[in-house]
Amino acid sequence: MMTMNRIDVTLNLPQELVEQARSAGLLTDDEVERWLIAELERQGRQNRFFNTLDQLSSLEPSITPEEIDAEIEAYRQEKRQRKQGKDQ
C-alpha cells in the first residue's frame, strides 16, 4: 500500500470556476491525484519526445535537401507525363 501524505494547497481561482469545479466533483483528493498523475505522465512523454528529436537531429541526414527536391521534381514530371498520356 502506498504511503499517503497530507499537504495543504491554497489556490486563488475565480469564484465561478471554483463553483463549477466543485459541483462537477473535481476538487476531491482523488481527482487532484488523477490530474497530477496524468500531468506527470504527459511531461514524461513530452520529455521522451524531445529527447528523441534531439537524437534524430544529431544523425547525419541520409538524403540532402537537394536530393529531396530532385525526387519531388521527378515525381511531378512523372505525374505530368502520365496525365498527358491519359489526355491523348
PDB file of N, CA and C in Angstrom:
ATOM      1  N   MET A   1       0.844  -1.183   0.000  1.00  0.00           N
ATOM      2  CA  MET A   1       0.000   0.000   0.000  1.00  0.00           C
ATOM      3  C   MET A   1       0.891   1.248   0.000  1.00  0.00           C
ATOM      4  N   MET A   2       0.494   2.230  -0.771  1.00  0.00           N
ATOM      5  CA  MET A   2       1.266   3.462  -0.887  1.00  0.00           C
ATOM      6  C   MET A   2       1.025   4.349   0.336  1.00  0.00           C
ATOM      7  N   THR A   3       2.119   4.918   0.855  1.00  0.00           N
ATOM      8  CA  THR A   3       2.012   5.847   1.972  1.00  0.00           C
ATOM      9  C   THR A   3       1.427   7.155   1.467  1.00  0.00           C
ATOM     10  N   MET A   4       0.446   7.651   2.169  1.00  0.00           N
ATOM     11  CA  MET A   4      -0.205   8.904   1.785  1.00  0.00           C
ATOM     12  C   MET A   4       0.326  10.019   2.686  1.00  0.00           C
ATOM     13  N   ASN A   5       0.565  11.163   2.106  1.00  0.00           N
ATOM     14  CA  ASN A   5       0.995  12.347   2.842  1.00  0.00           C
ATOM     15  C   ASN A   5      -0.073  13.412   2.709  1.00  0.00           C
ATOM     16  N   ARG A   6      -0.279  14.118   3.779  1.00  0.00           N
ATOM     17  CA  ARG A   6      -1.251  15.207   3.740  1.00  0.00           C
ATOM     18  C   ARG A   6      -0.504  16.502   3.449  1.00  0.00           C
ATOM     19  N   ILE A   7      -0.979  17.223   2.440  1.00  0.00           N
ATOM     20  CA  ILE A   7      -0.453  18.551   2.150  1.00  0.00           C
ATOM     21  C   ILE A   7      -1.632  19.498   2.018  1.00  0.00           C
ATOM     22  N   ASP A   8      -1.411  20.719   2.369  1.00  0.00           N
ATOM     23  CA  ASP A   8      -2.443  21.739   2.214  1.00  0.00           C
ATOM     24  C   ASP A   8      -2.015  22.664   1.088  1.00  0.00           C
ATOM     25  N   VAL A   9      -2.927  22.872   0.158  1.00  0.00           N
ATOM     26  CA  VAL A   9      -2.657  23.714  -1.001  1.00  0.00           C
ATOM     27  C   VAL A   9      -3.691  24.824  -1.023  1.00  0.00           C
ATOM     28  N   THR A  10      -3.241  26.040  -1.224  1.00  0.00           N
ATOM     29  CA  THR A  10      -4.151  27.173  -1.349  1.00  0.00           C
ATOM     30  C   THR A  10      -4.039  27.710  -2.765  1.00  0.00           C
ATOM     31  N   LEU A  11      -5.162  27.793  -3.433  1.00  0.00           N
ATOM     32  CA  LEU A  11      -5.209  28.314  -4.795  1.00  0.00           C
ATOM     33  C   LEU A  11      -6.065  29.561  -4.820  1.00  0.00           C
ATOM     34  N   ASN A  12      -5.716  30.493  -5.657  1.00  0.00           N
ATOM     35  CA  ASN A  12      -6.535  31.679  -5.884  1.00  0.00           C
ATOM     36  C   ASN A  12      -7.157  31.538  -7.258  1.00  0.00           C
ATOM     37  N   LEU A  13      -8.438  31.206  -7.271  1.00  0.00           N
ATOM     38  CA  LEU A  13      -9.157  30.953  -8.520  1.00  0.00           C
ATOM     39  C   LEU A  13     -10.423  31.797  -8.565  1.00  0.00           C
ATOM     40  N   PRO A  14     -10.909  32.080  -9.756  1.00  0.00           N
ATOM     41  CA  PRO A  14     -12.179  32.798  -9.865  1.00  0.00           C
ATOM     42  C   PRO A  14     -13.307  31.998  -9.196  1.00  0.00           C
ATOM     43  N   GLN A  15     -14.189  32.700  -8.524  1.00  0.00           N
ATOM     44  CA  GLN A  15     -15.273  32.062  -7.783  1.00  0.00           C
ATOM     45  C   GLN A  15     -16.112  31.157  -8.683  1.00  0.00           C
ATOM     46  N   GLU A  16     -16.420  31.625  -9.887  1.00  0.00           N
ATOM     47  CA  GLU A  16     -17.249  30.832 -10.795  1.00  0.00           C
ATOM     48  C   GLU A  16     -16.568  29.511 -11.142  1.00  0.00           C
ATOM     49  N   LEU A  17     -15.270  29.554 -11.369  1.00  0.00           N
ATOM     50  CA  LEU A  17     -14.525  28.333 -11.679  1.00  0.00           C
ATOM     51  C   LEU A  17     -14.552  27.375 -10.496  1.00  0.00           C
ATOM     52  N   VAL A  18     -14.370  27.899  -9.300  1.00  0.00           N
ATOM     53  CA  VAL A  18     -14.406  27.074  -8.093  1.00  0.00           C
ATOM     54  C   VAL A  18     -15.768  26.407  -7.962  1.00  0.00           C
ATOM     55  N   GLU A  19     -16.829  27.166  -8.158  1.00  0.00           N
ATOM     56  CA  GLU A  19     -18.179  26.608  -8.035  1.00  0.00           C
ATOM     57  C   GLU A  19     -18.424  25.522  -9.072  1.00  0.00           C
ATOM     58  N   GLN A  20     -18.009  25.771 -10.311  1.00  0.00           N
ATOM     59  CA  GLN A  20     -18.196  24.769 -11.363  1.00  0.00           C
ATOM     60  C   GLN A  20     -17.385  23.508 -11.069  1.00  0.00           C
ATOM     61  N   ALA A  21     -16.136  23.693 -10.662  1.00  0.00           N
ATOM     62  CA  ALA A  21     -15.279  22.546 -10.371  1.00  0.00           C
ATOM     63  C   ALA A  21     -15.821  21.751  -9.186  1.00  0.00           C
ATOM     64  N   ARG A  22     -16.270  22.446  -8.177  1.00  0.00           N
ATOM     65  CA  ARG A  22     -16.817  21.776  -7.002  1.00  0.00           C
ATOM     66  C   ARG A  22     -18.085  21.007  -7.363  1.00  0.00           C
ATOM     67  N   SER A  23     -18.983  21.625  -8.127  1.00  0.00           N
ATOM     68  CA  SER A  23     -20.229  20.938  -8.486  1.00  0.00           C
ATOM     69  C   SER A  23     -19.975  19.761  -9.425  1.00  0.00           C
ATOM     70  N   ALA A  24     -18.867  19.798 -10.159  1.00  0.00           N
ATOM     71  CA  ALA A  24     -18.519  18.685 -11.046  1.00  0.00           C
ATOM     72  C   ALA A  24     -17.720  17.605 -10.309  1.00  0.00           C
ATOM     73  N   GLY A  25     -17.443  17.839  -9.040  1.00  0.00           N
ATOM     74  CA  GLY A  25     -16.702  16.856  -8.259  1.00  0.00           C
ATOM     75  C   GLY A  25     -15.219  16.815  -8.566  1.00  0.00           C
ATOM     76  N   LEU A  26     -14.690  17.923  -9.045  1.00  0.00           N
ATOM     77  CA  LEU A  26     -13.282  17.955  -9.454  1.00  0.00           C
ATOM     78  C   LEU A  26     -12.326  18.390  -8.354  1.00  0.00           C
ATOM     79  N   LEU A  27     -12.846  18.831  -7.240  1.00  0.00           N
ATOM     80  CA  LEU A  27     -11.976  19.321  -6.167  1.00  0.00           C
ATOM     81  C   LEU A  27     -11.832  18.301  -5.041  1.00  0.00           C
ATOM     82  N   THR A  28     -11.753  17.040  -5.414  1.00  0.00           N
ATOM     83  CA  THR A  28     -11.576  15.981  -4.425  1.00  0.00           C
ATOM     84  C   THR A  28     -10.124  15.501  -4.443  1.00  0.00           C
ATOM     85  N   ASP A  29      -9.730  14.838  -3.375  1.00  0.00           N
ATOM     86  CA  ASP A  29      -8.375  14.284  -3.316  1.00  0.00           C
ATOM     87  C   ASP A  29      -8.117  13.349  -4.497  1.00  0.00           C
ATOM     88  N   ASP A  30      -9.090  12.493  -4.796  1.00  0.00           N
ATOM     89  CA  ASP A  30      -8.916  11.528  -5.889  1.00  0.00           C
ATOM     90  C   ASP A  30      -8.729  12.221  -7.234  1.00  0.00           C
ATOM     91  N   GLU A  31      -9.508  13.267  -7.475  1.00  0.00           N
ATOM     92  CA  GLU A  31      -9.401  13.975  -8.760  1.00  0.00           C
ATOM     93  C   GLU A  31      -8.078  14.718  -8.883  1.00  0.00           C
ATOM     94  N   VAL A  32      -7.658  15.369  -7.825  1.00  0.00           N
ATOM     95  CA  VAL A  32      -6.379  16.087  -7.868  1.00  0.00           C
ATOM     96  C   VAL A  32      -5.241  15.084  -8.057  1.00  0.00           C
ATOM     97  N   GLU A  33      -5.318  13.945  -7.393  1.00  0.00           N
ATOM     98  CA  GLU A  33      -4.306  12.898  -7.580  1.00  0.00           C
ATOM     99  C   GLU A  33      -4.283  12.432  -9.036  1.00  0.00           C
ATOM    100  N   ARG A  34      -5.457  12.217  -9.609  1.00  0.00           N
ATOM    101  CA  ARG A  34      -5.555  11.787 -11.007  1.00  0.00           C
ATOM    102  C   ARG A  34      -4.932  12.838 -11.927  1.00  0.00           C
ATOM    103  N   TRP A  35      -5.214  14.116 -11.681  1.00  0.00           N
ATOM    104  CA  TRP A  35      -4.647  15.200 -12.502  1.00  0.00           C
ATOM    105  C   TRP A  35      -3.122  15.211 -12.417  1.00  0.00           C
ATOM    106  N   LEU A  36      -2.614  15.076 -11.188  1.00  0.00           N
ATOM    107  CA  LEU A  36      -1.163  15.106 -11.004  1.00  0.00           C
ATOM    108  C   LEU A  36      -0.491  13.934 -11.721  1.00  0.00           C
ATOM    109  N   ILE A  37      -1.066  12.752 -11.598  1.00  0.00           N
ATOM    110  CA  ILE A  37      -0.517  11.576 -12.281  1.00  0.00           C
ATOM    111  C   ILE A  37      -0.549  11.786 -13.785  1.00  0.00           C
ATOM    112  N   ALA A  38      -1.677  12.270 -14.299  1.00  0.00           N
ATOM    113  CA  ALA A  38      -1.808  12.498 -15.744  1.00  0.00           C
ATOM    114  C   ALA A  38      -0.795  13.534 -16.223  1.00  0.00           C
ATOM    115  N   GLU A  39      -0.588  14.577 -15.446  1.00  0.00           N
ATOM    116  CA  GLU A  39       0.367  15.622 -15.841  1.00  0.00           C
ATOM    117  C   GLU A  39       1.797  15.096 -15.812  1.00  0.00           C
ATOM    118  N   LEU A  40       2.135  14.315 -14.806  1.00  0.00           N
ATOM    119  CA  LEU A  40       3.476  13.728 -14.748  1.00  0.00           C
ATOM    120  C   LEU A  40       3.714  12.794 -15.933  1.00  0.00           C
ATOM    121  N   GLU A  41       2.707  12.013 -16.293  1.00  0.00           N
ATOM    122  CA  GLU A  41       2.823  11.132 -17.457  1.00  0.00           C
ATOM    123  C   GLU A  41       2.975  11.949 -18.737  1.00  0.00           C
ATOM    124  N   ARG A  42       2.197  13.026 -18.868  1.00  0.00           N
ATOM    125  CA  ARG A  42       2.275  13.883 -20.055  1.00  0.00           C
ATOM    126  C   ARG A  42       3.666  14.500 -20.174  1.00  0.00           C
ATOM    127  N   GLN A  43       4.183  14.998 -19.059  1.00  0.00           N
ATOM    128  CA  GLN A  43       5.519  15.594 -19.081  1.00  0.00           C
ATOM    129  C   GLN A  43       6.585  14.558 -19.433  1.00  0.00           C
ATOM    130  N   GLY A  44       6.409  13.336 -18.939  1.00  0.00           N
ATOM    131  CA  GLY A  44       7.348  12.270 -19.273  1.00  0.00           C
ATOM    132  C   GLY A  44       7.327  11.960 -20.759  1.00  0.00           C
ATOM    133  N   ARG A  45       6.123  11.881 -21.345  1.00  0.00           N
ATOM    134  CA  ARG A  45       6.001  11.642 -22.792  1.00  0.00           C
ATOM    135  C   ARG A  45       6.625  12.790 -23.572  1.00  0.00           C
ATOM    136  N   GLN A  46       6.369  14.013 -23.138  1.00  0.00           N
ATOM    137  CA  GLN A  46       6.922  15.187 -23.818  1.00  0.00           C
ATOM    138  C   GLN A  46       8.452  15.179 -23.746  1.00  0.00           C
ATOM    139  N   ASN A  47       8.997  14.862 -22.592  1.00  0.00           N
ATOM    140  CA  ASN A  47      10.457  14.804 -22.451  1.00  0.00           C
ATOM    141  C   ASN A  47      11.048  13.724 -23.347  1.00  0.00           C
ATOM    142  N   ARG A  48      10.402  12.544 -23.399  1.00  0.00           N
ATOM    143  CA  ARG A  48      10.893  11.475 -24.272  1.00  0.00           C
ATOM    144  C   ARG A  48      10.823  11.902 -25.729  1.00  0.00           C
ATOM    145  N   PHE A  49       9.751  12.602 -26.104  1.00  0.00           N
ATOM    146  CA  PHE A  49       9.595  13.082 -27.474  1.00  0.00           C
ATOM    147  C   PHE A  49      10.742  14.024 -27.844  1.00  0.00           C
ATOM    148  N   PHE A  50      11.009  15.011 -26.991  1.00  0.00           N
ATOM    149  CA  PHE A  50      12.065  15.975 -27.293  1.00  0.00           C
ATOM    150  C   PHE A  50      13.453  15.327 -27.242  1.00  0.00           C
ATOM    151  N   ASN A  51      13.650  14.366 -26.357  1.00  0.00           N
ATOM    152  CA  ASN A  51      14.923  13.640 -26.344  1.00  0.00           C
ATOM    153  C   ASN A  51      15.113  12.874 -27.648  1.00  0.00           C
ATOM    154  N   THR A  52      14.038  12.262 -28.139  1.00  0.00           N
ATOM    155  CA  THR A  52      14.106  11.549 -29.413  1.00  0.00           C
ATOM    156  C   THR A  52      14.413  12.519 -30.544  1.00  0.00           C
ATOM    157  N   LEU A  53      13.768  13.688 -30.542  1.00  0.00           N
ATOM    158  CA  LEU A  53      14.066  14.695 -31.564  1.00  0.00           C
ATOM    159  C   LEU A  53      15.530  15.112 -31.518  1.00  0.00           C
ATOM    160  N   ASP A  54      16.058  15.297 -30.321  1.00  0.00           N
ATOM    161  CA  ASP A  54      17.467  15.665 -30.184  1.00  0.00           C
ATOM    162  C   ASP A  54      18.369  14.580 -30.763  1.00  0.00           C
ATOM    163  N   GLN A  55      18.033  13.326 -30.478  1.00  0.00           N
ATOM    164  CA  GLN A  55      18.834  12.219 -31.010  1.00  0.00           C
ATOM    165  C   GLN A  55      18.755  12.174 -32.530  1.00  0.00           C
ATOM    166  N   LEU A  56      17.555  12.364 -33.062  1.00  0.00           N
ATOM    167  CA  LEU A  56      17.388  12.335 -34.517  1.00  0.00           C
ATOM    168  C   LEU A  56      18.121  13.488 -35.189  1.00  0.00           C
ATOM    169  N   SER A  57      18.087  14.650 -34.565  1.00  0.00           N
ATOM    170  CA  SER A  57      18.735  15.813 -35.180  1.00  0.00           C
ATOM    171  C   SER A  57      20.254  15.676 -35.187  1.00  0.00           C
ATOM    172  N   SER A  58      20.784  14.842 -34.316  1.00  0.00           N
ATOM    173  CA  SER A  58      22.233  14.659 -34.283  1.00  0.00           C
ATOM    174  C   SER A  58      22.714  13.662 -35.336  1.00  0.00           C
ATOM    175  N   LEU A  59      21.795  12.939 -35.965  1.00  0.00           N
ATOM    176  CA  LEU A  59      22.169  11.975 -37.000  1.00  0.00           C
ATOM    177  C   LEU A  59      22.466  12.690 -38.308  1.00  0.00           C
ATOM    178  N   GLU A  60      23.353  12.118 -39.068  1.00  0.00           N
ATOM    179  CA  GLU A  60      23.631  12.647 -40.396  1.00  0.00           C
ATOM    180  C   GLU A  60      22.418  12.370 -41.281  1.00  0.00           C
ATOM    181  N   PRO A  61      21.993  13.337 -42.043  1.00  0.00           N
ATOM    182  CA  PRO A  61      20.843  13.078 -42.925  1.00  0.00           C
ATOM    183  C   PRO A  61      21.233  12.063 -43.995  1.00  0.00           C
ATOM    184  N   SER A  62      20.307  11.152 -44.287  1.00  0.00           N
ATOM    185  CA  SER A  62      20.589  10.134 -45.290  1.00  0.00           C
ATOM    186  C   SER A  62      20.329  10.679 -46.694  1.00  0.00           C
ATOM    187  N   ILE A  63      19.690  11.821 -46.772  1.00  0.00           N
ATOM    188  CA  ILE A  63      19.392  12.433 -48.063  1.00  0.00           C
ATOM    189  C   ILE A  63      19.495  13.950 -47.892  1.00  0.00           C
ATOM    190  N   THR A  64      20.076  14.599 -48.864  1.00  0.00           N
ATOM    191  CA  THR A  64      20.269  16.051 -48.773  1.00  0.00           C
ATOM    192  C   THR A  64      19.010  16.773 -49.232  1.00  0.00           C
ATOM    193  N   PRO A  65      18.869  18.035 -48.876  1.00  0.00           N
ATOM    194  CA  PRO A  65      17.725  18.809 -49.363  1.00  0.00           C
ATOM    195  C   PRO A  65      17.670  18.851 -50.892  1.00  0.00           C
ATOM    196  N   GLU A  66      18.830  18.900 -51.517  1.00  0.00           N
ATOM    197  CA  GLU A  66      18.857  18.925 -52.986  1.00  0.00           C
ATOM    198  C   GLU A  66      18.318  17.619 -53.556  1.00  0.00           C
ATOM    199  N   GLU A  67      18.676  16.505 -52.917  1.00  0.00           N
ATOM    200  CA  GLU A  67      18.171  15.204 -53.369  1.00  0.00           C
ATOM    201  C   GLU A  67      16.661  15.108 -53.169  1.00  0.00           C
ATOM    202  N   ILE A  68      16.177  15.665 -52.087  1.00  0.00           N
ATOM    203  CA  ILE A  68      14.728  15.686 -51.839  1.00  0.00           C
ATOM    204  C   ILE A  68      14.039  16.485 -52.931  1.00  0.00           C
ATOM    205  N   ASP A  69      14.576  17.666 -53.240  1.00  0.00           N
ATOM    206  CA  ASP A  69      13.997  18.493 -54.308  1.00  0.00           C
ATOM    207  C   ASP A  69      14.001  17.751 -55.633  1.00  0.00           C
ATOM    208  N   ALA A  70      15.089  17.044 -55.940  1.00  0.00           N
ATOM    209  CA  ALA A  70      15.177  16.299 -57.197  1.00  0.00           C
ATOM    210  C   ALA A  70      14.143  15.179 -57.241  1.00  0.00           C
ATOM    211  N   GLU A  71      13.929  14.493 -56.118  1.00  0.00           N
ATOM    212  CA  GLU A  71      12.927  13.423 -56.064  1.00  0.00           C
ATOM    213  C   GLU A  71      11.524  13.990 -56.260  1.00  0.00           C
ATOM    214  N   ILE A  72      11.251  15.121 -55.640  1.00  0.00           N
ATOM    215  CA  ILE A  72       9.936  15.755 -55.798  1.00  0.00           C
ATOM    216  C   ILE A  72       9.724  16.160 -57.250  1.00  0.00           C
ATOM    217  N   GLU A  73      10.720  16.759 -57.857  1.00  0.00           N
ATOM    218  CA  GLU A  73      10.604  17.181 -59.257  1.00  0.00           C
ATOM    219  C   GLU A  73      10.428  15.973 -60.174  1.00  0.00           C
ATOM    220  N   ALA A  74      11.144  14.892 -59.919  1.00  0.00           N
ATOM    221  CA  ALA A  74      10.995  13.681 -60.738  1.00  0.00           C
ATOM    222  C   ALA A  74       9.583  13.123 -60.609  1.00  0.00           C
ATOM    223  N   TYR A  75       9.047  13.128 -59.401  1.00  0.00           N
ATOM    224  CA  TYR A  75       7.681  12.655 -59.188  1.00  0.00           C
ATOM    225  C   TYR A  75       6.684  13.524 -59.947  1.00  0.00           C
ATOM    226  N   ARG A  76       6.856  14.825 -59.847  1.00  0.00           N
ATOM    227  CA  ARG A  76       5.943  15.743 -60.544  1.00  0.00           C
ATOM    228  C   ARG A  76       6.026  15.547 -62.054  1.00  0.00           C
ATOM    229  N   GLN A  77       7.239  15.377 -62.564  1.00  0.00           N
ATOM    230  CA  GLN A  77       7.423  15.163 -64.003  1.00  0.00           C
ATOM    231  C   GLN A  77       6.737  13.862 -64.434  1.00  0.00           C
ATOM    232  N   GLU A  78       6.913  12.824 -63.655  1.00  0.00           N
ATOM    233  CA  GLU A  78       6.272  11.542 -63.965  1.00  0.00           C
ATOM    234  C   GLU A  78       4.754  11.682 -63.943  1.00  0.00           C
ATOM    235  N   LYS A  79       4.258  12.417 -62.973  1.00  0.00           N
ATOM    236  CA  LYS A  79       2.815  12.630 -62.860  1.00  0.00           C
ATOM    237  C   LYS A  79       2.294  13.400 -64.070  1.00  0.00           C
ATOM    238  N   ARG A  80       3.034  14.432 -64.505  1.00  0.00           N
ATOM    239  CA  ARG A  80       2.635  15.196 -65.697  1.00  0.00           C
ATOM    240  C   ARG A  80       2.623  14.301 -66.934  1.00  0.00           C
ATOM    241  N   GLN A  81       3.623  13.457 -67.065  1.00  0.00           N
ATOM    242  CA  GLN A  81       3.701  12.572 -68.231  1.00  0.00           C
ATOM    243  C   GLN A  81       2.537  11.581 -68.250  1.00  0.00           C
ATOM    244  N   ARG A  82       2.186  11.042 -67.089  1.00  0.00           N
ATOM    245  CA  ARG A  82       1.044  10.123 -67.028  1.00  0.00           C
ATOM    246  C   ARG A  82      -0.248  10.836 -67.383  1.00  0.00           C
ATOM    247  N   LYS A  83      -0.398  12.067 -66.887  1.00  0.00           N
ATOM    248  CA  LYS A  83      -1.607  12.832 -67.186  1.00  0.00           C
ATOM    249  C   LYS A  83      -1.684  13.131 -68.679  1.00  0.00           C
ATOM    250  N   GLN A  84      -0.570  13.487 -69.293  1.00  0.00           N
ATOM    251  CA  GLN A  84      -0.554  13.761 -70.738  1.00  0.00           C
ATOM    252  C   GLN A  84      -0.886  12.498 -71.520  1.00  0.00           C
ATOM    253  N   GLY A  85      -0.448  11.349 -71.047  1.00  0.00           N
ATOM    254  CA  GLY A  85      -0.752  10.086 -71.713  1.00  0.00           C
ATOM    255  C   GLY A  85      -2.232   9.763 -71.657  1.00  0.00           C
ATOM    256  N   LYS A  86      -2.899  10.098 -70.562  1.00  0.00           N
ATOM    257  CA  LYS A  86      -4.339   9.855 -70.429  1.00  0.00           C
ATOM    258  C   LYS A  86      -5.140  10.808 -71.294  1.00  0.00           C
ATOM    259  N   ASP A  87      -4.652  12.021 -71.458  1.00  0.00           N
ATOM    260  CA  ASP A  87      -5.373  13.035 -72.230  1.00  0.00           C
ATOM    261  C   ASP A  87      -5.308  12.751 -73.724  1.00  0.00           C
ATOM    262  N   GLN A  88      -4.377  11.960 -74.174  1.00  0.00           N
ATOM    263  CA  GLN A  88      -4.221  11.721 -75.617  1.00  0.00           C
ATOM    264  C   GLN A  88      -5.077  10.583 -76.087  1.00  0.00           C
TER     265      GLN A  88
END
